[in-house]
Amino acid sequence: MLDNNKISLMTKLAIYEKDEGEDIKLSKYFKMDYLRYQIIKSVVSVTVSYLILLIIIAFYKSEYLIQEAVKLDYKAIGAKVLGIYIILLTIYVFSSIVGYSLKFDSSRKRLFQYRKNLKQLRQYYIDEENELK
């Protein structure tokens, strides 16, 4: 016999697994491990992007750099480049911590409801098994 509540619950679970499958992947992580992983990804992304940007700027200004190579204050340029990099890195790391922390917490709330529905479905199966005996 078909049970509409059971079918509805199974449909909810299937839709959740299809749409919010990332939450299930996140459940394998502790919060700090997940945040560290995302911070490392952010640091690598910012570093690579910044280096690419510096290379593009160097190519764009290459004629000037070649002409003024002896006169340039490399210490000041290095300090400015490093300062901008540290500021960008700080902004991205902070925003990664906040953003991914919120994402992880909201994922945990949705997973709580998902697990609750799974327990309810398991109870349906246990009840059916007991009725058949």
N, C-alpha and C. Protein backbone atom coordinates (compact mmCIF):
# COMPACT_ATOMS: atom_id res chain seq x y z
N MET A 1 0.85 -1.18 0.00
CA MET A 1 0.00 0.00 0.00
C MET A 1 0.89 1.24 0.00
N LEU A 2 0.51 2.21 -0.77
CA LEU A 2 1.28 3.44 -0.87
C LEU A 2 0.93 4.38 0.28
N ASP A 3 1.94 4.93 0.87
CA ASP A 3 1.77 5.88 1.96
C ASP A 3 2.20 7.25 1.45
N ASN A 4 1.25 8.18 1.38
CA ASN A 4 1.55 9.51 0.82
C ASN A 4 2.59 10.27 1.63
N ASN A 5 2.56 10.10 2.94
CA ASN A 5 3.56 10.78 3.78
C ASN A 5 4.96 10.25 3.49
N LYS A 6 5.06 8.94 3.32
CA LYS A 6 6.35 8.33 3.02
C LYS A 6 6.86 8.79 1.66
N ILE A 7 5.98 8.81 0.67
CA ILE A 7 6.36 9.25 -0.67
C ILE A 7 6.78 10.71 -0.66
N SER A 8 6.05 11.53 0.07
CA SER A 8 6.39 12.95 0.19
C SER A 8 7.76 13.13 0.84
N LEU A 9 8.01 12.36 1.87
CA LEU A 9 9.29 12.44 2.58
C LEU A 9 10.43 11.99 1.67
N MET A 10 10.22 10.92 0.93
CA MET A 10 11.25 10.42 0.01
C MET A 10 11.52 11.44 -1.09
N THR A 11 10.48 12.11 -1.55
CA THR A 11 10.64 13.15 -2.58
C THR A 11 11.44 14.32 -2.04
N LYS A 12 11.15 14.74 -0.82
CA LYS A 12 11.90 15.83 -0.20
C LYS A 12 13.38 15.47 -0.08
N LEU A 13 13.64 14.25 0.35
CA LEU A 13 15.02 13.80 0.51
C LEU A 13 15.75 13.75 -0.83
N ALA A 14 15.06 13.27 -1.86
CA ALA A 14 15.69 13.18 -3.18
C ALA A 14 15.97 14.57 -3.75
N ILE A 15 15.05 15.48 -3.57
CA ILE A 15 15.25 16.86 -4.06
C ILE A 15 16.40 17.50 -3.31
N TYR A 16 16.47 17.30 -2.02
CA TYR A 16 17.57 17.86 -1.23
C TYR A 16 18.91 17.30 -1.71
N GLU A 17 18.97 15.98 -1.90
CA GLU A 17 20.22 15.37 -2.35
C GLU A 17 20.63 15.87 -3.72
N LYS A 18 19.66 16.14 -4.57
CA LYS A 18 19.97 16.62 -5.92
C LYS A 18 20.42 18.09 -5.89
N ASP A 19 19.68 18.92 -5.18
CA ASP A 19 19.94 20.36 -5.18
C ASP A 19 21.04 20.77 -4.20
N GLU A 20 21.06 20.18 -3.05
CA GLU A 20 21.98 20.58 -1.99
C GLU A 20 23.00 19.50 -1.69
N GLY A 21 23.48 18.82 -2.71
CA GLY A 21 24.43 17.73 -2.52
C GLY A 21 25.74 18.19 -1.91
N GLU A 22 26.06 19.47 -2.08
CA GLU A 22 27.29 20.01 -1.51
C GLU A 22 27.25 19.98 0.02
N ASP A 23 26.07 20.12 0.59
CA ASP A 23 25.94 20.05 2.05
C ASP A 23 26.39 18.69 2.57
N ILE A 24 26.07 17.66 1.84
CA ILE A 24 26.47 16.32 2.26
C ILE A 24 27.99 16.18 2.20
N LYS A 25 28.61 16.78 1.18
CA LYS A 25 30.08 16.77 1.10
C LYS A 25 30.69 17.56 2.26
N LEU A 26 30.06 18.68 2.61
CA LEU A 26 30.57 19.50 3.71
C LEU A 26 30.46 18.80 5.06
N SER A 27 29.54 17.88 5.16
CA SER A 27 29.36 17.19 6.45
C SER A 27 30.55 16.32 6.81
N LYS A 28 31.42 16.05 5.85
CA LYS A 28 32.61 15.24 6.11
C LYS A 28 33.72 16.04 6.77
N TYR A 29 33.58 17.36 6.80
CA TYR A 29 34.61 18.24 7.36
C TYR A 29 34.22 18.74 8.74
N PHE A 30 35.24 18.99 9.56
CA PHE A 30 35.04 19.82 10.73
C PHE A 30 35.09 21.26 10.24
N LYS A 31 34.52 22.16 11.00
CA LYS A 31 34.43 23.55 10.56
C LYS A 31 35.82 24.16 10.33
N MET A 32 36.73 23.97 11.26
CA MET A 32 38.06 24.58 11.13
C MET A 32 38.83 23.98 9.96
N ASP A 33 38.66 22.69 9.72
CA ASP A 33 39.34 22.06 8.58
C ASP A 33 38.81 22.63 7.27
N TYR A 34 37.49 22.79 7.19
CA TYR A 34 36.88 23.36 5.99
C TYR A 34 37.35 24.80 5.77
N LEU A 35 37.37 25.58 6.85
CA LEU A 35 37.82 26.97 6.73
C LEU A 35 39.29 27.04 6.32
N ARG A 36 40.13 26.20 6.89
CA ARG A 36 41.55 26.20 6.50
C ARG A 36 41.72 25.86 5.03
N TYR A 37 40.98 24.87 4.57
CA TYR A 37 41.05 24.47 3.16
C TYR A 37 40.65 25.63 2.25
N GLN A 38 39.57 26.31 2.60
CA GLN A 38 39.10 27.43 1.78
C GLN A 38 40.07 28.62 1.86
N ILE A 39 40.67 28.84 3.00
CA ILE A 39 41.65 29.93 3.14
C ILE A 39 42.88 29.64 2.29
N ILE A 40 43.34 28.39 2.30
CA ILE A 40 44.49 28.03 1.47
C ILE A 40 44.16 28.24 0.00
N LYS A 41 42.96 27.86 -0.42
CA LYS A 41 42.56 28.09 -1.80
C LYS A 41 42.53 29.59 -2.12
N SER A 42 42.04 30.39 -1.20
CA SER A 42 41.99 31.84 -1.41
C SER A 42 43.39 32.44 -1.50
N VAL A 43 44.28 32.01 -0.63
CA VAL A 43 45.65 32.53 -0.63
C VAL A 43 46.34 32.19 -1.95
N VAL A 44 46.19 30.95 -2.40
CA VAL A 44 46.80 30.54 -3.66
C VAL A 44 46.21 31.34 -4.82
N SER A 45 44.89 31.51 -4.82
CA SER A 45 44.23 32.26 -5.90
C SER A 45 44.68 33.71 -5.94
N VAL A 46 44.73 34.35 -4.79
CA VAL A 46 45.16 35.75 -4.72
C VAL A 46 46.61 35.88 -5.17
N THR A 47 47.46 34.97 -4.72
CA THR A 47 48.88 35.03 -5.07
C THR A 47 49.08 34.87 -6.57
N VAL A 48 48.45 33.87 -7.14
CA VAL A 48 48.60 33.64 -8.59
C VAL A 48 48.03 34.82 -9.38
N SER A 49 46.87 35.30 -8.99
CA SER A 49 46.25 36.43 -9.68
C SER A 49 47.12 37.68 -9.58
N TYR A 50 47.67 37.92 -8.41
CA TYR A 50 48.50 39.11 -8.22
C TYR A 50 49.78 39.02 -9.04
N LEU A 51 50.38 37.83 -9.09
CA LEU A 51 51.58 37.65 -9.91
C LEU A 51 51.28 37.85 -11.39
N ILE A 52 50.15 37.33 -11.85
CA ILE A 52 49.76 37.53 -13.25
C ILE A 52 49.55 39.01 -13.52
N LEU A 53 48.90 39.71 -12.61
CA LEU A 53 48.68 41.14 -12.77
C LEU A 53 50.00 41.91 -12.81
N LEU A 54 50.94 41.54 -11.95
CA LEU A 54 52.26 42.20 -11.96
C LEU A 54 52.99 41.94 -13.27
N ILE A 55 52.89 40.74 -13.78
CA ILE A 55 53.54 40.42 -15.06
C ILE A 55 52.92 41.23 -16.20
N ILE A 56 51.61 41.35 -16.20
CA ILE A 56 50.93 42.14 -17.23
C ILE A 56 51.35 43.61 -17.15
N ILE A 57 51.40 44.14 -15.93
CA ILE A 57 51.83 45.54 -15.76
C ILE A 57 53.28 45.70 -16.19
N ALA A 58 54.13 44.74 -15.86
CA ALA A 58 55.55 44.82 -16.26
C ALA A 58 55.69 44.79 -17.78
N PHE A 59 54.90 43.96 -18.44
CA PHE A 59 54.94 43.94 -19.91
C PHE A 59 54.43 45.25 -20.49
N TYR A 60 53.39 45.80 -19.89
CA TYR A 60 52.83 47.05 -20.38
C TYR A 60 53.83 48.20 -20.22
N LYS A 61 54.53 48.21 -19.10
CA LYS A 61 55.51 49.27 -18.80
C LYS A 61 56.94 48.86 -19.15
N SER A 62 57.11 47.82 -19.95
CA SER A 62 58.45 47.29 -20.21
C SER A 62 59.40 48.31 -20.84
N GLU A 63 58.90 49.13 -21.75
CA GLU A 63 59.77 50.14 -22.37
C GLU A 63 60.28 51.11 -21.31
N TYR A 64 59.41 51.58 -20.47
CA TYR A 64 59.81 52.50 -19.40
C TYR A 64 60.79 51.81 -18.44
N LEU A 65 60.49 50.56 -18.07
CA LEU A 65 61.34 49.83 -17.13
C LEU A 65 62.74 49.62 -17.70
N ILE A 66 62.82 49.35 -18.99
CA ILE A 66 64.13 49.14 -19.60
C ILE A 66 64.91 50.45 -19.65
N GLN A 67 64.25 51.54 -20.01
CA GLN A 67 64.92 52.84 -20.11
C GLN A 67 65.37 53.36 -18.75
N GLU A 68 64.58 53.12 -17.74
CA GLU A 68 64.86 53.67 -16.41
C GLU A 68 65.39 52.61 -15.43
N ALA A 69 65.90 51.51 -15.93
CA ALA A 69 66.31 50.39 -15.08
C ALA A 69 67.35 50.80 -14.03
N VAL A 70 68.24 51.70 -14.36
CA VAL A 70 69.30 52.09 -13.43
C VAL A 70 68.79 53.10 -12.41
N LYS A 71 67.84 53.93 -12.80
CA LYS A 71 67.37 55.02 -11.95
C LYS A 71 66.24 54.63 -10.99
N LEU A 72 65.62 53.49 -11.19
CA LEU A 72 64.45 53.11 -10.39
C LEU A 72 64.84 52.80 -8.95
N ASP A 73 63.94 53.13 -8.04
CA ASP A 73 64.10 52.82 -6.62
C ASP A 73 63.41 51.48 -6.36
N TYR A 74 64.16 50.40 -6.48
CA TYR A 74 63.60 49.06 -6.38
C TYR A 74 63.07 48.75 -4.98
N LYS A 75 63.69 49.34 -3.98
CA LYS A 75 63.22 49.13 -2.61
C LYS A 75 61.81 49.69 -2.42
N ALA A 76 61.58 50.91 -2.93
CA ALA A 76 60.26 51.53 -2.80
C ALA A 76 59.21 50.78 -3.62
N ILE A 77 59.61 50.37 -4.82
CA ILE A 77 58.67 49.60 -5.66
C ILE A 77 58.33 48.27 -4.99
N GLY A 78 59.34 47.59 -4.47
CA GLY A 78 59.11 46.31 -3.78
C GLY A 78 58.24 46.47 -2.55
N ALA A 79 58.48 47.54 -1.79
CA ALA A 79 57.67 47.79 -0.60
C ALA A 79 56.22 48.06 -0.97
N LYS A 80 56.01 48.84 -2.03
CA LYS A 80 54.65 49.16 -2.48
C LYS A 80 53.94 47.91 -2.99
N VAL A 81 54.64 47.10 -3.79
CA VAL A 81 54.06 45.87 -4.32
C VAL A 81 53.73 44.91 -3.18
N LEU A 82 54.63 44.76 -2.24
CA LEU A 82 54.40 43.88 -1.10
C LEU A 82 53.26 44.39 -0.21
N GLY A 83 53.21 45.70 -0.01
CA GLY A 83 52.14 46.29 0.80
C GLY A 83 50.77 46.05 0.19
N ILE A 84 50.67 46.26 -1.12
CA ILE A 84 49.39 46.03 -1.80
C ILE A 84 49.01 44.55 -1.71
N TYR A 85 50.00 43.67 -1.88
CA TYR A 85 49.74 42.23 -1.79
C TYR A 85 49.23 41.85 -0.40
N ILE A 86 49.85 42.38 0.63
CA ILE A 86 49.43 42.05 2.00
C ILE A 86 48.03 42.57 2.27
N ILE A 87 47.72 43.76 1.79
CA ILE A 87 46.37 44.31 1.98
C ILE A 87 45.34 43.44 1.26
N LEU A 88 45.61 43.10 0.00
CA LEU A 88 44.68 42.24 -0.75
C LEU A 88 44.51 40.89 -0.08
N LEU A 89 45.62 40.32 0.35
CA LEU A 89 45.57 39.01 0.99
C LEU A 89 44.76 39.06 2.28
N THR A 90 44.93 40.11 3.05
CA THR A 90 44.18 40.26 4.30
C THR A 90 42.68 40.37 4.02
N ILE A 91 42.33 41.16 3.02
CA ILE A 91 40.91 41.32 2.67
C ILE A 91 40.31 39.99 2.23
N TYR A 92 41.01 39.28 1.35
CA TYR A 92 40.48 38.02 0.84
C TYR A 92 40.43 36.95 1.92
N VAL A 93 41.41 36.87 2.78
CA VAL A 93 41.39 35.87 3.85
C VAL A 93 40.25 36.17 4.83
N PHE A 94 40.08 37.43 5.19
CA PHE A 94 39.00 37.79 6.11
C PHE A 94 37.63 37.50 5.48
N SER A 95 37.46 37.88 4.22
CA SER A 95 36.18 37.62 3.57
C SER A 95 35.95 36.12 3.38
N SER A 96 37.01 35.35 3.16
CA SER A 96 36.87 33.89 3.06
C SER A 96 36.43 33.30 4.40
N ILE A 97 37.02 33.77 5.46
CA ILE A 97 36.65 33.26 6.79
C ILE A 97 35.18 33.54 7.07
N VAL A 98 34.76 34.77 6.83
CA VAL A 98 33.36 35.13 7.11
C VAL A 98 32.40 34.39 6.18
N GLY A 99 32.68 34.44 4.89
CA GLY A 99 31.77 33.84 3.92
C GLY A 99 31.65 32.34 4.06
N TYR A 100 32.77 31.65 4.16
CA TYR A 100 32.71 30.20 4.26
C TYR A 100 32.25 29.73 5.63
N SER A 101 32.44 30.53 6.65
CA SER A 101 31.90 30.19 7.96
C SER A 101 30.37 30.24 7.93
N LEU A 102 29.84 31.29 7.33
CA LEU A 102 28.38 31.40 7.19
C LEU A 102 27.83 30.26 6.33
N LYS A 103 28.53 29.94 5.25
CA LYS A 103 28.10 28.85 4.38
C LYS A 103 28.09 27.53 5.14
N PHE A 104 29.13 27.28 5.91
CA PHE A 104 29.22 26.03 6.67
C PHE A 104 28.10 25.95 7.71
N ASP A 105 27.86 27.05 8.41
CA ASP A 105 26.81 27.05 9.44
C ASP A 105 25.42 26.83 8.84
N SER A 106 25.14 27.48 7.72
CA SER A 106 23.83 27.29 7.08
C SER A 106 23.70 25.88 6.54
N SER A 107 24.80 25.31 6.10
CA SER A 107 24.80 23.93 5.64
C SER A 107 24.45 22.98 6.78
N ARG A 108 25.00 23.24 7.94
CA ARG A 108 24.71 22.39 9.11
C ARG A 108 23.23 22.45 9.49
N LYS A 109 22.62 23.63 9.36
CA LYS A 109 21.20 23.75 9.69
C LYS A 109 20.36 22.94 8.72
N ARG A 110 20.70 23.02 7.42
CA ARG A 110 19.95 22.25 6.43
C ARG A 110 20.18 20.75 6.62
N LEU A 111 21.39 20.37 6.98
CA LEU A 111 21.69 18.96 7.22
C LEU A 111 20.94 18.42 8.43
N PHE A 112 20.72 19.26 9.42
CA PHE A 112 19.96 18.83 10.59
C PHE A 112 18.55 18.41 10.17
N GLN A 113 17.92 19.21 9.32
CA GLN A 113 16.57 18.88 8.83
C GLN A 113 16.61 17.63 7.95
N TYR A 114 17.63 17.50 7.14
CA TYR A 114 17.80 16.33 6.27
C TYR A 114 17.92 15.06 7.10
N ARG A 115 18.74 15.10 8.14
CA ARG A 115 18.91 13.93 9.00
C ARG A 115 17.62 13.61 9.76
N LYS A 116 16.92 14.64 10.14
CA LYS A 116 15.64 14.44 10.81
C LYS A 116 14.67 13.70 9.88
N ASN A 117 14.63 14.11 8.62
CA ASN A 117 13.77 13.45 7.64
C ASN A 117 14.23 12.01 7.38
N LEU A 118 15.54 11.78 7.37
CA LEU A 118 16.05 10.41 7.19
C LEU A 118 15.62 9.52 8.35
N LYS A 119 15.68 10.04 9.57
CA LYS A 119 15.25 9.26 10.73
C LYS A 119 13.76 8.93 10.63
N GLN A 120 13.00 9.91 10.17
CA GLN A 120 11.57 9.70 10.01
C GLN A 120 11.29 8.62 8.97
N LEU A 121 12.03 8.64 7.85
CA LEU A 121 11.87 7.63 6.81
C LEU A 121 12.29 6.25 7.34
N ARG A 122 13.37 6.20 8.09
CA ARG A 122 13.81 4.94 8.68
C ARG A 122 12.73 4.38 9.60
N GLN A 123 12.08 5.26 10.33
CA GLN A 123 11.01 4.82 11.23
C GLN A 123 9.84 4.25 10.43
N TYR A 124 9.54 4.85 9.27
CA TYR A 124 8.49 4.29 8.40
C TYR A 124 8.84 2.86 8.00
N TYR A 125 10.10 2.64 7.62
CA TYR A 125 10.50 1.30 7.21
C TYR A 125 10.46 0.32 8.38
N ILE A 126 10.85 0.75 9.55
CA ILE A 126 10.80 -0.11 10.73
C ILE A 126 9.35 -0.47 11.06
N ASP A 127 8.46 0.51 10.98
CA ASP A 127 7.04 0.26 11.24
C ASP A 127 6.46 -0.71 10.23
N GLU A 128 6.82 -0.55 8.96
CA GLU A 128 6.33 -1.47 7.92
C GLU A 128 6.83 -2.89 8.17
N GLU A 129 8.08 -2.99 8.57
CA GLU A 129 8.67 -4.31 8.83
C GLU A 129 7.98 -4.98 10.01
N ASN A 130 7.65 -4.19 11.02
CA ASN A 130 6.97 -4.75 12.19
C ASN A 130 5.53 -5.18 11.84
N GLU A 131 4.89 -4.45 10.94
CA GLU A 131 3.53 -4.80 10.53
C GLU A 131 3.51 -6.10 9.74
N LEU A 132 4.56 -6.35 8.97
CA LEU A 132 4.62 -7.56 8.16
C LEU A 132 4.88 -8.81 9.00
N LYS A 133 5.43 -8.65 10.17
CA LYS A 133 5.72 -9.81 11.04
C LYS A 133 4.52 -10.29 11.78
